[in-house]
Structures are given as structure tokens and as C-alpha cells.
Amino acid sequence: METRVTAYVVKEIDFSVGSYETLEGYQVVLVDPSGQEHLSNMSGGRNHSTGEGLGDDHWFNTEVKISPYTSGTYRVRLVKDGVQQSAETEFIMAASPYQYVHLDIFWYR
């Protein structure tokens, strides 16, 4: 089992009709409970997090996975070209049941 965080980094085009532009070249920095940093792949394209029509599915365009699954407090921030682009936030992964975290990151006009 692994710790998994997915994110959907997009720019709002027309929020009233759900129109967004997928943003490329962003990465999630995930800081694990021991303080080690893990960098996601570059954002781009989009994929289903669990599979179309399957439960808690989300679009995502970047993810970070670390093995093994580790419970505890994590910190996360968004970067582009190594420069921080968002505030850092925290979340807690429970020991049981296993969880994954999905982040929707929107840029507004």
C-alpha cells in the first residue's frame, strides 16, 4: 500500500458552466510526517483518479506516491519552476482505513 496524493491544477474560464483550462508545468511538494519532501510529476493532461464511474472519482493532472502508506500529518504546497505558488496546507492520513487525498487547485480570473 502507498500514500497517494492527486491534484487537479486548473484556471477558471467560466465557473458558471464548469469551464476550466488545465494548467501544465506545476508540481505538488508533499512533506511527509518525518519531514522528507516528495515532488509530484509535472501537471499536464488529465486522468481519472479511480476510474470513470467508480465511486469517489476525480479528474487529476499530477500526483505523488510514496511507499509504504504512512499515517500522520502531511504538508503540501504547489510550485512551478521551484517557486512556491500556493499557501502550504496540512492534512492527516489516518492509520485505518487507508486513505488518499485529492486536491482541486483553481486559479480565478
N, C-alpha and C. Protein backbone atom coordinates (compact mmCIF):
# COMPACT_ATOMS: atom_id res chain seq x y z
N MET A 1 0.85 -1.17 0.00
CA MET A 1 0.00 0.00 0.00
C MET A 1 0.90 1.23 0.00
N GLU A 2 0.46 2.29 -0.69
CA GLU A 2 1.24 3.51 -0.80
C GLU A 2 0.43 4.72 -0.35
N THR A 3 1.13 5.80 -0.03
CA THR A 3 0.50 7.08 0.24
C THR A 3 0.35 7.76 -1.11
N ARG A 4 -0.85 8.24 -1.42
CA ARG A 4 -1.11 8.83 -2.74
C ARG A 4 -1.85 10.14 -2.60
N VAL A 5 -1.35 11.17 -3.30
CA VAL A 5 -1.99 12.47 -3.35
C VAL A 5 -2.12 12.86 -4.81
N THR A 6 -3.34 13.14 -5.24
CA THR A 6 -3.58 13.62 -6.60
C THR A 6 -4.03 15.07 -6.53
N ALA A 7 -3.80 15.81 -7.62
CA ALA A 7 -4.22 17.22 -7.68
C ALA A 7 -4.67 17.55 -9.09
N TYR A 8 -5.61 18.45 -9.18
CA TYR A 8 -6.11 18.95 -10.46
C TYR A 8 -5.85 20.45 -10.46
N VAL A 9 -4.86 20.87 -11.23
CA VAL A 9 -4.43 22.27 -11.28
C VAL A 9 -5.03 22.90 -12.54
N VAL A 10 -5.97 23.82 -12.34
CA VAL A 10 -6.69 24.40 -13.47
C VAL A 10 -6.92 25.90 -13.27
N LYS A 11 -7.20 26.58 -14.38
CA LYS A 11 -7.56 28.00 -14.37
C LYS A 11 -9.02 28.10 -14.77
N GLU A 12 -9.77 28.87 -14.01
CA GLU A 12 -11.20 29.05 -14.27
C GLU A 12 -11.39 29.90 -15.52
N ILE A 13 -12.19 29.38 -16.45
CA ILE A 13 -12.57 30.14 -17.65
C ILE A 13 -13.97 30.71 -17.44
N ASP A 14 -14.94 29.85 -17.16
CA ASP A 14 -16.31 30.27 -16.87
C ASP A 14 -16.87 29.33 -15.81
N PHE A 15 -16.80 29.77 -14.56
CA PHE A 15 -17.19 28.93 -13.44
C PHE A 15 -18.66 28.51 -13.52
N SER A 16 -19.51 29.35 -14.09
CA SER A 16 -20.95 29.08 -14.13
C SER A 16 -21.28 27.85 -14.97
N VAL A 17 -20.44 27.51 -15.93
CA VAL A 17 -20.69 26.33 -16.77
C VAL A 17 -19.62 25.26 -16.59
N GLY A 18 -18.74 25.45 -15.60
CA GLY A 18 -17.71 24.45 -15.32
C GLY A 18 -16.63 24.38 -16.39
N SER A 19 -16.25 25.52 -16.94
CA SER A 19 -15.24 25.57 -17.98
C SER A 19 -13.88 25.95 -17.37
N TYR A 20 -12.87 25.07 -17.57
CA TYR A 20 -11.56 25.28 -16.99
C TYR A 20 -10.47 24.97 -18.02
N GLU A 21 -9.33 25.61 -17.84
CA GLU A 21 -8.15 25.32 -18.64
C GLU A 21 -7.18 24.55 -17.75
N THR A 22 -6.76 23.37 -18.19
CA THR A 22 -5.79 22.59 -17.44
C THR A 22 -4.43 23.28 -17.51
N LEU A 23 -3.80 23.48 -16.36
CA LEU A 23 -2.50 24.15 -16.31
C LEU A 23 -1.37 23.13 -16.28
N GLU A 24 -0.33 23.40 -17.04
CA GLU A 24 0.81 22.49 -17.14
C GLU A 24 2.03 23.08 -16.46
N GLY A 25 2.95 22.21 -16.05
CA GLY A 25 4.23 22.64 -15.51
C GLY A 25 4.25 22.92 -14.01
N TYR A 26 3.20 22.53 -13.29
CA TYR A 26 3.14 22.70 -11.84
C TYR A 26 3.45 21.37 -11.15
N GLN A 27 3.95 21.44 -9.92
CA GLN A 27 4.21 20.24 -9.14
C GLN A 27 3.73 20.44 -7.71
N VAL A 28 3.33 19.34 -7.09
CA VAL A 28 2.96 19.32 -5.68
C VAL A 28 4.20 18.89 -4.89
N VAL A 29 4.51 19.64 -3.84
CA VAL A 29 5.55 19.23 -2.90
C VAL A 29 4.82 18.67 -1.69
N LEU A 30 5.05 17.39 -1.42
CA LEU A 30 4.43 16.71 -0.29
C LEU A 30 5.50 16.47 0.77
N VAL A 31 5.26 16.99 1.97
CA VAL A 31 6.19 16.81 3.08
C VAL A 31 5.58 15.76 4.00
N ASP A 32 6.26 14.61 4.13
CA ASP A 32 5.72 13.50 4.92
C ASP A 32 5.91 13.75 6.42
N PRO A 33 5.34 12.88 7.27
CA PRO A 33 5.42 13.08 8.72
C PRO A 33 6.86 13.14 9.27
N SER A 34 7.82 12.57 8.55
CA SER A 34 9.22 12.63 9.01
C SER A 34 9.93 13.89 8.54
N GLY A 35 9.27 14.71 7.71
CA GLY A 35 9.86 15.94 7.21
C GLY A 35 10.50 15.83 5.84
N GLN A 36 10.48 14.62 5.26
CA GLN A 36 11.07 14.43 3.93
C GLN A 36 10.12 14.97 2.86
N GLU A 37 10.69 15.66 1.86
CA GLU A 37 9.89 16.22 0.76
C GLU A 37 9.85 15.27 -0.42
N HIS A 38 8.68 15.18 -1.04
CA HIS A 38 8.46 14.34 -2.23
C HIS A 38 7.82 15.23 -3.29
N LEU A 39 8.33 15.16 -4.52
CA LEU A 39 7.86 16.01 -5.60
C LEU A 39 7.01 15.19 -6.57
N SER A 40 5.86 15.73 -6.93
CA SER A 40 4.98 15.05 -7.90
C SER A 40 5.56 15.17 -9.30
N ASN A 41 4.92 14.46 -10.22
CA ASN A 41 5.23 14.66 -11.64
C ASN A 41 4.70 16.03 -12.06
N MET A 42 5.12 16.51 -13.24
CA MET A 42 4.64 17.79 -13.76
C MET A 42 3.17 17.68 -14.14
N SER A 43 2.41 18.72 -13.83
CA SER A 43 1.00 18.72 -14.21
C SER A 43 0.87 18.83 -15.73
N GLY A 44 -0.18 18.21 -16.24
CA GLY A 44 -0.46 18.23 -17.66
C GLY A 44 -1.46 17.15 -18.01
N GLY A 45 -2.28 17.40 -19.02
CA GLY A 45 -3.31 16.42 -19.40
C GLY A 45 -4.31 16.25 -18.29
N ARG A 46 -4.97 15.11 -18.26
CA ARG A 46 -5.87 14.78 -17.14
C ARG A 46 -6.19 13.30 -17.18
N ASN A 47 -6.42 12.75 -16.01
CA ASN A 47 -6.73 11.34 -15.82
C ASN A 47 -7.80 11.19 -14.75
N HIS A 48 -8.41 10.01 -14.70
CA HIS A 48 -9.35 9.68 -13.63
C HIS A 48 -8.57 9.15 -12.44
N SER A 49 -8.95 9.57 -11.22
CA SER A 49 -8.23 9.13 -10.03
C SER A 49 -8.53 7.68 -9.66
N THR A 50 -9.76 7.23 -9.84
CA THR A 50 -10.10 5.85 -9.50
C THR A 50 -10.67 5.08 -10.68
N GLY A 51 -11.14 5.77 -11.68
CA GLY A 51 -11.76 5.14 -12.84
C GLY A 51 -13.12 5.75 -13.09
N GLU A 52 -13.41 6.02 -14.34
CA GLU A 52 -14.67 6.67 -14.69
C GLU A 52 -15.86 5.90 -14.15
N GLY A 53 -16.72 6.60 -13.40
CA GLY A 53 -17.93 6.00 -12.87
C GLY A 53 -17.72 5.14 -11.63
N LEU A 54 -16.49 5.11 -11.10
CA LEU A 54 -16.20 4.29 -9.92
C LEU A 54 -16.09 5.15 -8.67
N GLY A 55 -17.09 5.13 -7.83
CA GLY A 55 -17.02 5.77 -6.52
C GLY A 55 -16.53 7.19 -6.52
N ASP A 56 -15.50 7.45 -5.72
CA ASP A 56 -15.01 8.80 -5.47
C ASP A 56 -13.99 9.21 -6.53
N ASP A 57 -14.42 9.31 -7.78
CA ASP A 57 -13.53 9.61 -8.89
C ASP A 57 -13.36 11.11 -9.06
N HIS A 58 -12.14 11.54 -9.37
CA HIS A 58 -11.82 12.94 -9.62
C HIS A 58 -10.92 13.02 -10.83
N TRP A 59 -11.02 14.12 -11.60
CA TRP A 59 -10.01 14.40 -12.60
C TRP A 59 -8.75 14.83 -11.87
N PHE A 60 -7.58 14.43 -12.38
CA PHE A 60 -6.34 14.93 -11.83
C PHE A 60 -5.32 15.07 -12.96
N ASN A 61 -4.32 15.96 -12.74
CA ASN A 61 -3.28 16.13 -13.75
C ASN A 61 -1.87 16.10 -13.16
N THR A 62 -1.75 15.75 -11.89
CA THR A 62 -0.46 15.49 -11.26
C THR A 62 -0.69 14.63 -10.02
N GLU A 63 0.31 13.83 -9.68
CA GLU A 63 0.19 13.01 -8.48
C GLU A 63 1.57 12.71 -7.91
N VAL A 64 1.56 12.39 -6.63
CA VAL A 64 2.78 11.94 -5.95
C VAL A 64 2.40 10.70 -5.15
N LYS A 65 3.26 9.69 -5.22
CA LYS A 65 3.06 8.44 -4.50
C LYS A 65 4.33 8.12 -3.72
N ILE A 66 4.16 7.71 -2.47
CA ILE A 66 5.30 7.25 -1.68
C ILE A 66 4.92 5.95 -1.00
N SER A 67 5.88 5.07 -0.92
CA SER A 67 5.65 3.76 -0.34
C SER A 67 6.58 3.56 0.85
N PRO A 68 6.09 2.97 1.92
CA PRO A 68 4.74 2.42 2.13
C PRO A 68 3.77 3.50 2.59
N TYR A 69 2.50 3.11 2.69
CA TYR A 69 1.49 4.01 3.26
C TYR A 69 1.92 4.34 4.68
N THR A 70 1.90 5.64 5.00
CA THR A 70 2.30 6.09 6.34
C THR A 70 1.25 7.06 6.85
N SER A 71 0.70 6.77 8.03
CA SER A 71 -0.28 7.68 8.62
C SER A 71 0.46 8.85 9.27
N GLY A 72 -0.26 9.93 9.51
CA GLY A 72 0.33 11.08 10.18
C GLY A 72 -0.03 12.38 9.48
N THR A 73 0.62 13.45 9.92
CA THR A 73 0.36 14.79 9.39
C THR A 73 1.30 15.08 8.23
N TYR A 74 0.70 15.51 7.14
CA TYR A 74 1.43 15.87 5.92
C TYR A 74 1.23 17.35 5.65
N ARG A 75 2.21 17.96 4.98
CA ARG A 75 2.08 19.33 4.50
C ARG A 75 2.21 19.29 2.98
N VAL A 76 1.54 20.22 2.31
CA VAL A 76 1.56 20.24 0.86
C VAL A 76 1.53 21.68 0.36
N ARG A 77 2.24 21.91 -0.75
CA ARG A 77 2.22 23.22 -1.41
C ARG A 77 2.42 23.00 -2.90
N LEU A 78 2.07 23.99 -3.69
CA LEU A 78 2.20 23.93 -5.14
C LEU A 78 3.39 24.78 -5.57
N VAL A 79 4.20 24.27 -6.51
CA VAL A 79 5.34 25.02 -7.03
C VAL A 79 5.33 24.98 -8.55
N LYS A 80 5.98 25.98 -9.14
CA LYS A 80 6.24 26.00 -10.58
C LYS A 80 7.66 26.50 -10.76
N ASP A 81 8.46 25.73 -11.47
CA ASP A 81 9.88 26.06 -11.67
C ASP A 81 10.57 26.29 -10.32
N GLY A 82 10.18 25.52 -9.30
CA GLY A 82 10.80 25.61 -7.99
C GLY A 82 10.33 26.76 -7.13
N VAL A 83 9.43 27.60 -7.64
CA VAL A 83 8.93 28.77 -6.91
C VAL A 83 7.54 28.44 -6.33
N GLN A 84 7.37 28.66 -5.04
CA GLN A 84 6.10 28.37 -4.39
C GLN A 84 4.98 29.22 -4.97
N GLN A 85 3.85 28.57 -5.32
CA GLN A 85 2.71 29.23 -5.96
C GLN A 85 1.45 29.25 -5.10
N SER A 86 1.48 28.56 -3.95
CA SER A 86 0.29 28.49 -3.10
C SER A 86 0.71 28.52 -1.64
N ALA A 87 -0.27 28.77 -0.80
CA ALA A 87 -0.03 28.64 0.63
C ALA A 87 0.18 27.16 0.95
N GLU A 88 0.92 26.88 2.00
CA GLU A 88 1.09 25.49 2.42
C GLU A 88 -0.09 25.11 3.31
N THR A 89 -0.56 23.89 3.16
CA THR A 89 -1.67 23.42 3.98
C THR A 89 -1.32 22.05 4.54
N GLU A 90 -2.04 21.63 5.56
CA GLU A 90 -1.80 20.34 6.22
C GLU A 90 -3.03 19.45 6.13
N PHE A 91 -2.77 18.16 6.15
CA PHE A 91 -3.85 17.19 6.27
C PHE A 91 -3.31 15.98 7.02
N ILE A 92 -4.21 15.18 7.55
CA ILE A 92 -3.83 14.00 8.33
C ILE A 92 -4.31 12.75 7.61
N MET A 93 -3.40 11.80 7.43
CA MET A 93 -3.75 10.48 6.87
C MET A 93 -3.94 9.54 8.06
N ALA A 94 -5.11 8.93 8.14
CA ALA A 94 -5.43 8.03 9.25
C ALA A 94 -4.70 6.70 9.10
N ALA A 95 -4.47 6.03 10.22
CA ALA A 95 -3.84 4.70 10.19
C ALA A 95 -4.78 3.67 9.59
N SER A 96 -6.09 3.83 9.86
CA SER A 96 -7.08 2.90 9.34
C SER A 96 -8.42 3.64 9.27
N PRO A 97 -9.14 3.56 8.20
CA PRO A 97 -8.80 2.85 6.97
C PRO A 97 -7.78 3.66 6.15
N TYR A 98 -7.13 2.97 5.21
CA TYR A 98 -6.20 3.65 4.32
C TYR A 98 -6.94 4.73 3.55
N GLN A 99 -6.25 5.83 3.26
CA GLN A 99 -6.88 6.96 2.59
C GLN A 99 -5.99 7.46 1.46
N TYR A 100 -6.55 8.24 0.57
CA TYR A 100 -5.76 9.06 -0.34
C TYR A 100 -6.36 10.45 -0.32
N VAL A 101 -5.59 11.44 -0.72
CA VAL A 101 -6.04 12.82 -0.69
C VAL A 101 -6.06 13.35 -2.12
N HIS A 102 -7.12 14.08 -2.44
CA HIS A 102 -7.23 14.75 -3.74
C HIS A 102 -7.38 16.24 -3.50
N LEU A 103 -6.62 17.04 -4.26
CA LEU A 103 -6.67 18.49 -4.15
C LEU A 103 -7.17 19.08 -5.47
N ASP A 104 -8.14 19.99 -5.40
CA ASP A 104 -8.56 20.79 -6.55
C ASP A 104 -7.96 22.17 -6.35
N ILE A 105 -7.09 22.59 -7.28
CA ILE A 105 -6.40 23.87 -7.18
C ILE A 105 -6.85 24.73 -8.36
N PHE A 106 -7.57 25.81 -8.08
CA PHE A 106 -8.16 26.67 -9.10
C PHE A 106 -7.50 28.04 -9.10
N TRP A 107 -7.18 28.54 -10.28
CA TRP A 107 -6.80 29.94 -10.46
C TRP A 107 -8.03 30.64 -10.99
N TYR A 108 -8.40 31.77 -10.36
CA TYR A 108 -9.57 32.51 -10.79
C TYR A 108 -9.15 33.74 -11.57
N ARG A 109 -10.01 34.15 -12.50
CA ARG A 109 -9.74 35.37 -13.29
C ARG A 109 -9.78 36.58 -12.41
